[in-house]
Amino acid sequence: MLYYALIFLIVAIVAGALGFGGIAGTSAGIAQILFFVFLALLVLSLLSGVFRKK
C-alpha cells in the first residue's frame, strides 16, 4: 500500500510540474489517504503484536 502511495505522489509531482493542477491535486489527495491508511494499519499491527506476546 505504501508503494501505491508513492506512485500517486510521483504522479502528483509530475502533473504539478507540467501544469495539470486538477490531476496533481487529486493524485496528491489519494497519496495522502493511502499513506494514512498505511500508518493506521502499521500501528494496529504493532499493537496486536505487543498484546499477543503478553
N, C-alpha and C. Protein backbone atom coordinates (compact mmCIF):
# COMPACT_ATOMS: atom_id res chain seq x y z
N MET A 1 0.83 -1.19 0.00
CA MET A 1 0.00 0.00 0.00
C MET A 1 0.87 1.25 0.00
N LEU A 2 2.00 1.18 0.67
CA LEU A 2 2.92 2.30 0.67
C LEU A 2 3.46 2.54 -0.73
N TYR A 3 3.62 1.47 -1.50
CA TYR A 3 4.07 1.57 -2.89
C TYR A 3 3.10 2.41 -3.71
N TYR A 4 1.80 2.15 -3.56
CA TYR A 4 0.80 2.90 -4.31
C TYR A 4 0.75 4.36 -3.87
N ALA A 5 0.96 4.62 -2.60
CA ALA A 5 1.01 6.00 -2.12
C ALA A 5 2.17 6.75 -2.77
N LEU A 6 3.31 6.08 -2.87
CA LEU A 6 4.46 6.71 -3.51
C LEU A 6 4.23 6.93 -5.00
N ILE A 7 3.58 5.98 -5.66
CA ILE A 7 3.28 6.13 -7.09
C ILE A 7 2.37 7.34 -7.31
N PHE A 8 1.30 7.47 -6.50
CA PHE A 8 0.40 8.61 -6.64
C PHE A 8 1.11 9.92 -6.32
N LEU A 9 2.06 9.89 -5.38
CA LEU A 9 2.82 11.08 -5.06
C LEU A 9 3.68 11.51 -6.24
N ILE A 10 4.33 10.55 -6.90
CA ILE A 10 5.15 10.85 -8.07
C ILE A 10 4.29 11.38 -9.21
N VAL A 11 3.12 10.78 -9.41
CA VAL A 11 2.20 11.27 -10.44
C VAL A 11 1.79 12.71 -10.13
N ALA A 12 1.53 13.00 -8.87
CA ALA A 12 1.13 14.35 -8.48
C ALA A 12 2.25 15.36 -8.73
N ILE A 13 3.48 14.97 -8.43
CA ILE A 13 4.61 15.88 -8.65
C ILE A 13 4.81 16.15 -10.13
N VAL A 14 4.75 15.09 -10.95
CA VAL A 14 4.94 15.26 -12.39
C VAL A 14 3.79 16.08 -12.98
N ALA A 15 2.56 15.79 -12.57
CA ALA A 15 1.42 16.54 -13.10
C ALA A 15 1.48 18.00 -12.66
N GLY A 16 1.91 18.24 -11.46
CA GLY A 16 2.04 19.62 -10.99
C GLY A 16 3.12 20.38 -11.75
N ALA A 17 4.23 19.70 -12.06
CA ALA A 17 5.30 20.33 -12.81
C ALA A 17 4.87 20.65 -14.24
N LEU A 18 3.99 19.84 -14.80
CA LEU A 18 3.54 20.05 -16.17
C LEU A 18 2.33 20.99 -16.25
N GLY A 19 1.80 21.39 -15.12
CA GLY A 19 0.72 22.36 -15.11
C GLY A 19 -0.68 21.78 -15.06
N PHE A 20 -0.81 20.51 -14.80
CA PHE A 20 -2.13 19.90 -14.67
C PHE A 20 -2.55 19.94 -13.21
N GLY A 21 -3.13 21.06 -12.80
CA GLY A 21 -3.44 21.28 -11.39
C GLY A 21 -4.48 20.33 -10.83
N GLY A 22 -5.53 20.03 -11.60
CA GLY A 22 -6.59 19.15 -11.11
C GLY A 22 -6.11 17.74 -10.88
N ILE A 23 -5.34 17.24 -11.83
CA ILE A 23 -4.81 15.89 -11.70
C ILE A 23 -3.80 15.81 -10.56
N ALA A 24 -2.98 16.84 -10.43
CA ALA A 24 -1.98 16.86 -9.35
C ALA A 24 -2.65 16.87 -7.98
N GLY A 25 -3.70 17.67 -7.84
CA GLY A 25 -4.40 17.73 -6.56
C GLY A 25 -5.07 16.43 -6.20
N THR A 26 -5.69 15.81 -7.19
CA THR A 26 -6.36 14.54 -6.96
C THR A 26 -5.36 13.44 -6.59
N SER A 27 -4.25 13.39 -7.33
CA SER A 27 -3.23 12.37 -7.05
C SER A 27 -2.60 12.58 -5.69
N ALA A 28 -2.36 13.82 -5.32
CA ALA A 28 -1.79 14.10 -4.01
C ALA A 28 -2.76 13.71 -2.90
N GLY A 29 -4.05 13.96 -3.12
CA GLY A 29 -5.06 13.57 -2.13
C GLY A 29 -5.12 12.06 -1.95
N ILE A 30 -5.08 11.33 -3.06
CA ILE A 30 -5.10 9.87 -2.98
C ILE A 30 -3.85 9.35 -2.28
N ALA A 31 -2.70 9.94 -2.62
CA ALA A 31 -1.44 9.51 -1.97
C ALA A 31 -1.50 9.76 -0.48
N GLN A 32 -2.06 10.89 -0.07
CA GLN A 32 -2.17 11.21 1.35
C GLN A 32 -3.09 10.23 2.07
N ILE A 33 -4.21 9.91 1.47
CA ILE A 33 -5.16 8.96 2.08
C ILE A 33 -4.52 7.59 2.22
N LEU A 34 -3.86 7.11 1.16
CA LEU A 34 -3.21 5.80 1.22
C LEU A 34 -2.10 5.77 2.26
N PHE A 35 -1.36 6.86 2.40
CA PHE A 35 -0.29 6.91 3.39
C PHE A 35 -0.84 6.81 4.80
N PHE A 36 -1.94 7.54 5.07
CA PHE A 36 -2.51 7.48 6.42
C PHE A 36 -3.16 6.13 6.71
N VAL A 37 -3.73 5.50 5.71
CA VAL A 37 -4.26 4.14 5.89
C VAL A 37 -3.12 3.18 6.21
N PHE A 38 -1.99 3.34 5.50
CA PHE A 38 -0.82 2.51 5.76
C PHE A 38 -0.34 2.71 7.20
N LEU A 39 -0.27 3.96 7.64
CA LEU A 39 0.18 4.23 9.01
C LEU A 39 -0.77 3.63 10.05
N ALA A 40 -2.07 3.72 9.80
CA ALA A 40 -3.04 3.15 10.73
C ALA A 40 -2.90 1.64 10.81
N LEU A 41 -2.72 1.00 9.67
CA LEU A 41 -2.54 -0.46 9.66
C LEU A 41 -1.23 -0.86 10.34
N LEU A 42 -0.20 -0.04 10.17
CA LEU A 42 1.08 -0.31 10.83
C LEU A 42 0.92 -0.25 12.34
N VAL A 43 0.24 0.77 12.84
CA VAL A 43 0.04 0.91 14.28
C VAL A 43 -0.80 -0.24 14.83
N LEU A 44 -1.85 -0.61 14.11
CA LEU A 44 -2.67 -1.75 14.55
C LEU A 44 -1.88 -3.04 14.58
N SER A 45 -1.03 -3.23 13.60
CA SER A 45 -0.21 -4.43 13.55
C SER A 45 0.79 -4.46 14.71
N LEU A 46 1.39 -3.33 15.00
CA LEU A 46 2.34 -3.27 16.11
C LEU A 46 1.65 -3.50 17.44
N LEU A 47 0.47 -2.91 17.62
CA LEU A 47 -0.26 -3.10 18.88
C LEU A 47 -0.73 -4.54 19.05
N SER A 48 -1.17 -5.16 17.97
CA SER A 48 -1.60 -6.56 18.09
C SER A 48 -0.42 -7.47 18.40
N GLY A 49 0.74 -7.14 17.88
CA GLY A 49 1.93 -7.93 18.19
C GLY A 49 2.35 -7.80 19.65
N VAL A 50 2.21 -6.60 20.20
CA VAL A 50 2.56 -6.37 21.60
C VAL A 50 1.61 -7.10 22.52
N PHE A 51 0.30 -7.06 22.22
CA PHE A 51 -0.68 -7.72 23.08
C PHE A 51 -0.65 -9.23 22.97
N ARG A 52 -0.23 -9.77 21.84
CA ARG A 52 -0.15 -11.22 21.70
C ARG A 52 1.02 -11.82 22.45
N LYS A 53 2.08 -11.03 22.64
CA LYS A 53 3.25 -11.54 23.35
C LYS A 53 3.00 -11.65 24.84
N LYS A 54 2.07 -10.85 25.36
CA LYS A 54 1.82 -10.86 26.81
C LYS A 54 0.92 -11.97 27.23
